[in-house]
Amino acid sequence: MVTKIVPVRLREEELRQIDRLVEYGIFQSRSEAIRELIRIGVENLAYLSEILEAVERLFELERVEGRIPIDLSGATEQLLRERER
């Protein structure tokens, strides 16, 4: 596995929280903590990449066909009504 060094700026509060994780022995170092936290975040947000790809495909279909081939009219209102129940 190839790794790269990436400089990162963190706010003091974030760094304090990372230091606490190291202090409590959850991680052995700041670097390990940051690596693991980034990995967890990337895994948990991977679905966003799939959503963005789907939206891009819809935009491509709209460009080719002149419209998006699905009808979402009223969908927002329906979701809000269902949420209120």
PDB file of N, CA and C in Angstrom:
ATOM      1  N   MET A   1       0.840  -1.171   0.000  1.00  0.00           N
ATOM      2  CA  MET A   1       0.000   0.000   0.000  1.00  0.00           C
ATOM      3  C   MET A   1       0.891   1.242   0.000  1.00  0.00           C
ATOM      4  N   VAL A   2       0.645   2.136  -0.923  1.00  0.00           N
ATOM      5  CA  VAL A   2       1.407   3.367  -1.024  1.00  0.00           C
ATOM      6  C   VAL A   2       0.743   4.426  -0.156  1.00  0.00           C
ATOM      7  N   THR A   3       1.524   5.121   0.634  1.00  0.00           N
ATOM      8  CA  THR A   3       0.981   6.200   1.456  1.00  0.00           C
ATOM      9  C   THR A   3       1.607   7.514   1.027  1.00  0.00           C
ATOM     10  N   LYS A   4       0.916   8.585   1.291  1.00  0.00           N
ATOM     11  CA  LYS A   4       1.388   9.937   0.966  1.00  0.00           C
ATOM     12  C   LYS A   4       1.322  10.779   2.224  1.00  0.00           C
ATOM     13  N   ILE A   5       2.207  11.733   2.322  1.00  0.00           N
ATOM     14  CA  ILE A   5       2.175  12.693   3.416  1.00  0.00           C
ATOM     15  C   ILE A   5       1.330  13.876   2.969  1.00  0.00           C
ATOM     16  N   VAL A   6       0.365  14.246   3.819  1.00  0.00           N
ATOM     17  CA  VAL A   6      -0.537  15.352   3.500  1.00  0.00           C
ATOM     18  C   VAL A   6      -0.557  16.312   4.688  1.00  0.00           C
ATOM     19  N   PRO A   7      -0.136  17.555   4.474  1.00  0.00           N
ATOM     20  CA  PRO A   7      -0.206  18.514   5.584  1.00  0.00           C
ATOM     21  C   PRO A   7      -1.664  18.890   5.842  1.00  0.00           C
ATOM     22  N   VAL A   8      -2.013  18.977   7.107  1.00  0.00           N
ATOM     23  CA  VAL A   8      -3.393  19.280   7.492  1.00  0.00           C
ATOM     24  C   VAL A   8      -3.378  20.334   8.590  1.00  0.00           C
ATOM     25  N   ARG A   9      -4.284  21.283   8.497  1.00  0.00           N
ATOM     26  CA  ARG A   9      -4.450  22.273   9.561  1.00  0.00           C
ATOM     27  C   ARG A   9      -5.698  21.917  10.355  1.00  0.00           C
ATOM     28  N   LEU A  10      -5.561  21.905  11.668  1.00  0.00           N
ATOM     29  CA  LEU A  10      -6.691  21.602  12.543  1.00  0.00           C
ATOM     30  C   LEU A  10      -6.894  22.740  13.532  1.00  0.00           C
ATOM     31  N   ARG A  11      -8.141  22.937  13.917  1.00  0.00           N
ATOM     32  CA  ARG A  11      -8.419  23.918  14.960  1.00  0.00           C
ATOM     33  C   ARG A  11      -7.933  23.346  16.288  1.00  0.00           C
ATOM     34  N   GLU A  12      -7.683  24.233  17.233  1.00  0.00           N
ATOM     35  CA  GLU A  12      -7.154  23.787  18.523  1.00  0.00           C
ATOM     36  C   GLU A  12      -8.094  22.817  19.218  1.00  0.00           C
ATOM     37  N   GLU A  13      -9.392  23.052  19.167  1.00  0.00           N
ATOM     38  CA  GLU A  13     -10.343  22.158  19.828  1.00  0.00           C
ATOM     39  C   GLU A  13     -10.285  20.760  19.215  1.00  0.00           C
ATOM     40  N   GLU A  14     -10.194  20.667  17.898  1.00  0.00           N
ATOM     41  CA  GLU A  14     -10.088  19.354  17.251  1.00  0.00           C
ATOM     42  C   GLU A  14      -8.819  18.647  17.692  1.00  0.00           C
ATOM     43  N   LEU A  15      -7.727  19.385  17.744  1.00  0.00           N
ATOM     44  CA  LEU A  15      -6.455  18.798  18.144  1.00  0.00           C
ATOM     45  C   LEU A  15      -6.493  18.351  19.613  1.00  0.00           C
ATOM     46  N   ARG A  16      -7.157  19.129  20.459  1.00  0.00           N
ATOM     47  CA  ARG A  16      -7.307  18.728  21.864  1.00  0.00           C
ATOM     48  C   ARG A  16      -8.076  17.412  21.971  1.00  0.00           C
ATOM     49  N   GLN A  17      -9.119  17.269  21.178  1.00  0.00           N
ATOM     50  CA  GLN A  17      -9.893  16.031  21.210  1.00  0.00           C
ATOM     51  C   GLN A  17      -9.055  14.846  20.729  1.00  0.00           C
ATOM     52  N   ILE A  18      -8.265  15.067  19.695  1.00  0.00           N
ATOM     53  CA  ILE A  18      -7.370  14.014  19.206  1.00  0.00           C
ATOM     54  C   ILE A  18      -6.343  13.663  20.278  1.00  0.00           C
ATOM     55  N   ASP A  19      -5.797  14.686  20.916  1.00  0.00           N
ATOM     56  CA  ASP A  19      -4.826  14.441  21.993  1.00  0.00           C
ATOM     57  C   ASP A  19      -5.453  13.641  23.131  1.00  0.00           C
ATOM     58  N   ARG A  20      -6.723  13.891  23.444  1.00  0.00           N
ATOM     59  CA  ARG A  20      -7.412  13.119  24.486  1.00  0.00           C
ATOM     60  C   ARG A  20      -7.501  11.647  24.091  1.00  0.00           C
ATOM     61  N   LEU A  21      -7.810  11.390  22.833  1.00  0.00           N
ATOM     62  CA  LEU A  21      -7.896  10.001  22.365  1.00  0.00           C
ATOM     63  C   LEU A  21      -6.548   9.291  22.517  1.00  0.00           C
ATOM     64  N   VAL A  22      -5.477  10.021  22.245  1.00  0.00           N
ATOM     65  CA  VAL A  22      -4.132   9.457  22.407  1.00  0.00           C
ATOM     66  C   VAL A  22      -3.829   9.277  23.899  1.00  0.00           C
ATOM     67  N   GLU A  23      -4.166  10.290  24.688  1.00  0.00           N
ATOM     68  CA  GLU A  23      -3.920  10.234  26.134  1.00  0.00           C
ATOM     69  C   GLU A  23      -4.646   9.046  26.777  1.00  0.00           C
ATOM     70  N   TYR A  24      -5.869   8.764  26.334  1.00  0.00           N
ATOM     71  CA  TYR A  24      -6.655   7.660  26.891  1.00  0.00           C
ATOM     72  C   TYR A  24      -6.231   6.306  26.337  1.00  0.00           C
ATOM     73  N   GLY A  25      -5.266   6.310  25.414  1.00  0.00           N
ATOM     74  CA  GLY A  25      -4.738   5.060  24.889  1.00  0.00           C
ATOM     75  C   GLY A  25      -5.543   4.457  23.753  1.00  0.00           C
ATOM     76  N   ILE A  26      -6.491   5.212  23.228  1.00  0.00           N
ATOM     77  CA  ILE A  26      -7.293   4.706  22.112  1.00  0.00           C
ATOM     78  C   ILE A  26      -6.423   4.619  20.858  1.00  0.00           C
ATOM     79  N   PHE A  27      -5.541   5.593  20.713  1.00  0.00           N
ATOM     80  CA  PHE A  27      -4.571   5.592  19.621  1.00  0.00           C
ATOM     81  C   PHE A  27      -3.190   5.810  20.216  1.00  0.00           C
ATOM     82  N   GLN A  28      -2.165   5.349  19.497  1.00  0.00           N
ATOM     83  CA  GLN A  28      -0.801   5.475  20.004  1.00  0.00           C
ATOM     84  C   GLN A  28      -0.181   6.834  19.693  1.00  0.00           C
ATOM     85  N   SER A  29      -0.714   7.526  18.683  1.00  0.00           N
ATOM     86  CA  SER A  29      -0.140   8.813  18.295  1.00  0.00           C
ATOM     87  C   SER A  29      -1.197   9.666  17.612  1.00  0.00           C
ATOM     88  N   ARG A  30      -0.894  10.948  17.479  1.00  0.00           N
ATOM     89  CA  ARG A  30      -1.775  11.837  16.724  1.00  0.00           C
ATOM     90  C   ARG A  30      -1.941  11.333  15.288  1.00  0.00           C
ATOM     91  N   SER A  31      -0.835  10.939  14.698  1.00  0.00           N
ATOM     92  CA  SER A  31      -0.885  10.481  13.304  1.00  0.00           C
ATOM     93  C   SER A  31      -1.811   9.288  13.148  1.00  0.00           C
ATOM     94  N   GLU A  32      -1.703   8.321  14.050  1.00  0.00           N
ATOM     95  CA  GLU A  32      -2.575   7.154  13.978  1.00  0.00           C
ATOM     96  C   GLU A  32      -4.037   7.567  14.157  1.00  0.00           C
ATOM     97  N   ALA A  33      -4.290   8.451  15.114  1.00  0.00           N
ATOM     98  CA  ALA A  33      -5.655   8.909  15.363  1.00  0.00           C
ATOM     99  C   ALA A  33      -6.233   9.608  14.135  1.00  0.00           C
ATOM    100  N   ILE A  34      -5.478  10.514  13.578  1.00  0.00           N
ATOM    101  CA  ILE A  34      -5.962  11.270  12.416  1.00  0.00           C
ATOM    102  C   ILE A  34      -6.188  10.337  11.235  1.00  0.00           C
ATOM    103  N   ARG A  35      -5.253   9.409  10.995  1.00  0.00           N
ATOM    104  CA  ARG A  35      -5.414   8.439   9.910  1.00  0.00           C
ATOM    105  C   ARG A  35      -6.702   7.647  10.073  1.00  0.00           C
ATOM    106  N   GLU A  36      -6.934   7.139  11.286  1.00  0.00           N
ATOM    107  CA  GLU A  36      -8.105   6.304  11.537  1.00  0.00           C
ATOM    108  C   GLU A  36      -9.396   7.117  11.455  1.00  0.00           C
ATOM    109  N   LEU A  37      -9.391   8.317  11.989  1.00  0.00           N
ATOM    110  CA  LEU A  37     -10.580   9.165  11.929  1.00  0.00           C
ATOM    111  C   LEU A  37     -10.933   9.538  10.490  1.00  0.00           C
ATOM    112  N   ILE A  38      -9.918   9.790   9.687  1.00  0.00           N
ATOM    113  CA  ILE A  38     -10.161  10.082   8.270  1.00  0.00           C
ATOM    114  C   ILE A  38     -10.721   8.849   7.570  1.00  0.00           C
ATOM    115  N   ARG A  39     -10.137   7.668   7.856  1.00  0.00           N
ATOM    116  CA  ARG A  39     -10.626   6.439   7.239  1.00  0.00           C
ATOM    117  C   ARG A  39     -12.095   6.205   7.584  1.00  0.00           C
ATOM    118  N   ILE A  40     -12.442   6.374   8.856  1.00  0.00           N
ATOM    119  CA  ILE A  40     -13.825   6.189   9.290  1.00  0.00           C
ATOM    120  C   ILE A  40     -14.736   7.186   8.585  1.00  0.00           C
ATOM    121  N   GLY A  41     -14.309   8.429   8.507  1.00  0.00           N
ATOM    122  CA  GLY A  41     -15.118   9.453   7.839  1.00  0.00           C
ATOM    123  C   GLY A  41     -15.319   9.161   6.365  1.00  0.00           C
ATOM    124  N   VAL A  42     -14.265   8.748   5.698  1.00  0.00           N
ATOM    125  CA  VAL A  42     -14.356   8.436   4.264  1.00  0.00           C
ATOM    126  C   VAL A  42     -15.293   7.248   4.045  1.00  0.00           C
ATOM    127  N   GLU A  43     -15.164   6.216   4.865  1.00  0.00           N
ATOM    128  CA  GLU A  43     -16.056   5.059   4.726  1.00  0.00           C
ATOM    129  C   GLU A  43     -17.506   5.440   4.963  1.00  0.00           C
ATOM    130  N   ASN A  44     -17.743   6.280   5.967  1.00  0.00           N
ATOM    131  CA  ASN A  44     -19.111   6.663   6.295  1.00  0.00           C
ATOM    132  C   ASN A  44     -19.719   7.622   5.276  1.00  0.00           C
ATOM    133  N   LEU A  45     -18.896   8.303   4.525  1.00  0.00           N
ATOM    134  CA  LEU A  45     -19.408   9.249   3.541  1.00  0.00           C
ATOM    135  C   LEU A  45     -19.288   8.733   2.110  1.00  0.00           C
ATOM    136  N   ALA A  46     -18.881   7.483   1.939  1.00  0.00           N
ATOM    137  CA  ALA A  46     -18.699   6.925   0.596  1.00  0.00           C
ATOM    138  C   ALA A  46     -19.984   6.978  -0.216  1.00  0.00           C
ATOM    139  N   TYR A  47     -21.138   6.877   0.456  1.00  0.00           N
ATOM    140  CA  TYR A  47     -22.414   6.925  -0.259  1.00  0.00           C
ATOM    141  C   TYR A  47     -22.585   8.244  -1.009  1.00  0.00           C
ATOM    142  N   LEU A  48     -21.952   9.320  -0.529  1.00  0.00           N
ATOM    143  CA  LEU A  48     -22.063  10.604  -1.217  1.00  0.00           C
ATOM    144  C   LEU A  48     -21.484  10.527  -2.623  1.00  0.00           C
ATOM    145  N   SER A  49     -20.410   9.806  -2.775  1.00  0.00           N
ATOM    146  CA  SER A  49     -19.803   9.638  -4.085  1.00  0.00           C
ATOM    147  C   SER A  49     -20.774   8.953  -5.040  1.00  0.00           C
ATOM    148  N   GLU A  50     -21.473   7.931  -4.548  1.00  0.00           N
ATOM    149  CA  GLU A  50     -22.452   7.225  -5.377  1.00  0.00           C
ATOM    150  C   GLU A  50     -23.603   8.154  -5.762  1.00  0.00           C
ATOM    151  N   ILE A  51     -24.045   8.966  -4.825  1.00  0.00           N
ATOM    152  CA  ILE A  51     -25.131   9.909  -5.106  1.00  0.00           C
ATOM    153  C   ILE A  51     -24.683  10.918  -6.152  1.00  0.00           C
ATOM    154  N   LEU A  52     -23.486  11.453  -6.000  1.00  0.00           N
ATOM    155  CA  LEU A  52     -22.983  12.437  -6.960  1.00  0.00           C
ATOM    156  C   LEU A  52     -22.850  11.840  -8.355  1.00  0.00           C
ATOM    157  N   GLU A  53     -22.392  10.592  -8.442  1.00  0.00           N
ATOM    158  CA  GLU A  53     -22.294   9.934  -9.741  1.00  0.00           C
ATOM    159  C   GLU A  53     -23.668   9.771 -10.371  1.00  0.00           C
ATOM    160  N   ALA A  54     -24.672   9.409  -9.568  1.00  0.00           N
ATOM    161  CA  ALA A  54     -26.035   9.248 -10.081  1.00  0.00           C
ATOM    162  C   ALA A  54     -26.587  10.581 -10.568  1.00  0.00           C
ATOM    163  N   VAL A  55     -26.327  11.639  -9.829  1.00  0.00           N
ATOM    164  CA  VAL A  55     -26.795  12.970 -10.234  1.00  0.00           C
ATOM    165  C   VAL A  55     -26.108  13.387 -11.531  1.00  0.00           C
ATOM    166  N   GLU A  56     -24.828  13.113 -11.642  1.00  0.00           N
ATOM    167  CA  GLU A  56     -24.116  13.432 -12.884  1.00  0.00           C
ATOM    168  C   GLU A  56     -24.719  12.684 -14.071  1.00  0.00           C
ATOM    169  N   ARG A  57     -25.088  11.407 -13.869  1.00  0.00           N
ATOM    170  CA  ARG A  57     -25.720  10.636 -14.942  1.00  0.00           C
ATOM    171  C   ARG A  57     -27.067  11.249 -15.319  1.00  0.00           C
ATOM    172  N   LEU A  58     -27.820  11.701 -14.315  1.00  0.00           N
ATOM    173  CA  LEU A  58     -29.102  12.363 -14.608  1.00  0.00           C
ATOM    174  C   LEU A  58     -28.889  13.633 -15.409  1.00  0.00           C
ATOM    175  N   PHE A  59     -27.885  14.426 -15.042  1.00  0.00           N
ATOM    176  CA  PHE A  59     -27.591  15.644 -15.802  1.00  0.00           C
ATOM    177  C   PHE A  59     -27.186  15.312 -17.236  1.00  0.00           C
ATOM    178  N   GLU A  60     -26.428  14.235 -17.403  1.00  0.00           N
ATOM    179  CA  GLU A  60     -26.032  13.816 -18.747  1.00  0.00           C
ATOM    180  C   GLU A  60     -27.259  13.406 -19.557  1.00  0.00           C
ATOM    181  N   LEU A  61     -28.166  12.647 -18.929  1.00  0.00           N
ATOM    182  CA  LEU A  61     -29.409  12.266 -19.614  1.00  0.00           C
ATOM    183  C   LEU A  61     -30.224  13.498 -19.976  1.00  0.00           C
ATOM    184  N   GLU A  62     -30.275  14.467 -19.070  1.00  0.00           N
ATOM    185  CA  GLU A  62     -31.012  15.697 -19.352  1.00  0.00           C
ATOM    186  C   GLU A  62     -30.385  16.429 -20.539  1.00  0.00           C
ATOM    187  N   ARG A  63     -29.056  16.454 -20.581  1.00  0.00           N
ATOM    188  CA  ARG A  63     -28.368  17.130 -21.678  1.00  0.00           C
ATOM    189  C   ARG A  63     -28.663  16.435 -23.001  1.00  0.00           C
ATOM    190  N   VAL A  64     -28.645  15.090 -22.999  1.00  0.00           N
ATOM    191  CA  VAL A  64     -28.859  14.320 -24.227  1.00  0.00           C
ATOM    192  C   VAL A  64     -30.326  14.328 -24.632  1.00  0.00           C
ATOM    193  N   GLU A  65     -31.230  14.095 -23.668  1.00  0.00           N
ATOM    194  CA  GLU A  65     -32.649  13.950 -23.989  1.00  0.00           C
ATOM    195  C   GLU A  65     -33.449  15.237 -23.845  1.00  0.00           C
ATOM    196  N   GLY A  66     -32.849  16.251 -23.247  1.00  0.00           N
ATOM    197  CA  GLY A  66     -33.558  17.499 -23.073  1.00  0.00           C
ATOM    198  C   GLY A  66     -34.383  17.565 -21.793  1.00  0.00           C
ATOM    199  N   ARG A  67     -34.410  16.470 -21.035  1.00  0.00           N
ATOM    200  CA  ARG A  67     -35.132  16.437 -19.760  1.00  0.00           C
ATOM    201  C   ARG A  67     -34.596  15.295 -18.917  1.00  0.00           C
ATOM    202  N   ILE A  68     -34.864  15.372 -17.629  1.00  0.00           N
ATOM    203  CA  ILE A  68     -34.516  14.270 -16.741  1.00  0.00           C
ATOM    204  C   ILE A  68     -35.642  13.259 -16.852  1.00  0.00           C
ATOM    205  N   PRO A  69     -35.334  11.988 -17.101  1.00  0.00           N
ATOM    206  CA  PRO A  69     -36.368  10.990 -17.385  1.00  0.00           C
ATOM    207  C   PRO A  69     -37.108  10.454 -16.155  1.00  0.00           C
ATOM    208  N   ILE A  70     -37.233  11.277 -15.112  1.00  0.00           N
ATOM    209  CA  ILE A  70     -38.044  10.891 -13.963  1.00  0.00           C
ATOM    210  C   ILE A  70     -38.857  12.102 -13.541  1.00  0.00           C
ATOM    211  N   ASP A  71     -39.991  11.854 -12.924  1.00  0.00           N
ATOM    212  CA  ASP A  71     -40.854  12.951 -12.494  1.00  0.00           C
ATOM    213  C   ASP A  71     -40.876  13.002 -10.978  1.00  0.00           C
ATOM    214  N   LEU A  72     -40.370  14.085 -10.426  1.00  0.00           N
ATOM    215  CA  LEU A  72     -40.337  14.250  -8.987  1.00  0.00           C
ATOM    216  C   LEU A  72     -41.285  15.358  -8.523  1.00  0.00           C
ATOM    217  N   SER A  73     -42.189  15.767  -9.394  1.00  0.00           N
ATOM    218  CA  SER A  73     -43.088  16.855  -9.017  1.00  0.00           C
ATOM    219  C   SER A  73     -43.897  16.458  -7.792  1.00  0.00           C
ATOM    220  N   GLY A  74     -43.897  17.318  -6.799  1.00  0.00           N
ATOM    221  CA  GLY A  74     -44.628  17.061  -5.576  1.00  0.00           C
ATOM    222  C   GLY A  74     -43.896  16.181  -4.579  1.00  0.00           C
ATOM    223  N   ALA A  75     -42.720  15.689  -4.909  1.00  0.00           N
ATOM    224  CA  ALA A  75     -41.999  14.763  -4.030  1.00  0.00           C
ATOM    225  C   ALA A  75     -41.595  15.432  -2.728  1.00  0.00           C
ATOM    226  N   THR A  76     -41.146  16.683  -2.798  1.00  0.00           N
ATOM    227  CA  THR A  76     -40.723  17.374  -1.583  1.00  0.00           C
ATOM    228  C   THR A  76     -41.890  17.560  -0.628  1.00  0.00           C
ATOM    229  N   GLU A  77     -43.024  18.000  -1.164  1.00  0.00           N
ATOM    230  CA  GLU A  77     -44.196  18.187  -0.321  1.00  0.00           C
ATOM    231  C   GLU A  77     -44.633  16.860   0.309  1.00  0.00           C
ATOM    232  N   GLN A  78     -44.588  15.790  -0.452  1.00  0.00           N
ATOM    233  CA  GLN A  78     -44.973  14.475   0.065  1.00  0.00           C
ATOM    234  C   GLN A  78     -44.038  14.037   1.187  1.00  0.00           C
ATOM    235  N   LEU A  79     -42.738  14.225   1.004  1.00  0.00           N
ATOM    236  CA  LEU A  79     -41.780  13.869   2.044  1.00  0.00           C
ATOM    237  C   LEU A  79     -42.013  14.664   3.321  1.00  0.00           C
ATOM    238  N   LEU A  80     -42.314  15.962   3.164  1.00  0.00           N
ATOM    239  CA  LEU A  80     -42.566  16.795   4.341  1.00  0.00           C
ATOM    240  C   LEU A  80     -43.829  16.367   5.066  1.00  0.00           C
ATOM    241  N   ARG A  81     -44.889  16.009   4.317  1.00  0.00           N
ATOM    242  CA  ARG A  81     -46.127  15.543   4.941  1.00  0.00           C
ATOM    243  C   ARG A  81     -45.880  14.249   5.713  1.00  0.00           C
ATOM    244  N   GLU A  82     -45.137  13.325   5.117  1.00  0.00           N
ATOM    245  CA  GLU A  82     -44.848  12.050   5.771  1.00  0.00           C
ATOM    246  C   GLU A  82     -43.994  12.261   7.024  1.00  0.00           C
ATOM    247  N   ARG A  83     -43.120  13.227   6.972  1.00  0.00           N
ATOM    248  CA  ARG A  83     -42.239  13.507   8.111  1.00  0.00           C
ATOM    249  C   ARG A  83     -43.039  14.031   9.296  1.00  0.00           C
ATOM    250  N   GLU A  84     -44.115  14.787   9.031  1.00  0.00           N
ATOM    251  CA  GLU A  84     -44.919  15.384  10.087  1.00  0.00           C
ATOM    252  C   GLU A  84     -45.767  14.353  10.818  1.00  0.00           C
ATOM    253  N   ARG A  85     -45.987  13.184  10.241  1.00  0.00           N
ATOM    254  CA  ARG A  85     -46.830  12.166  10.867  1.00  0.00           C
ATOM    255  C   ARG A  85     -46.264  11.611  12.113  1.00  0.00           C
TER     256      ARG A  85
END
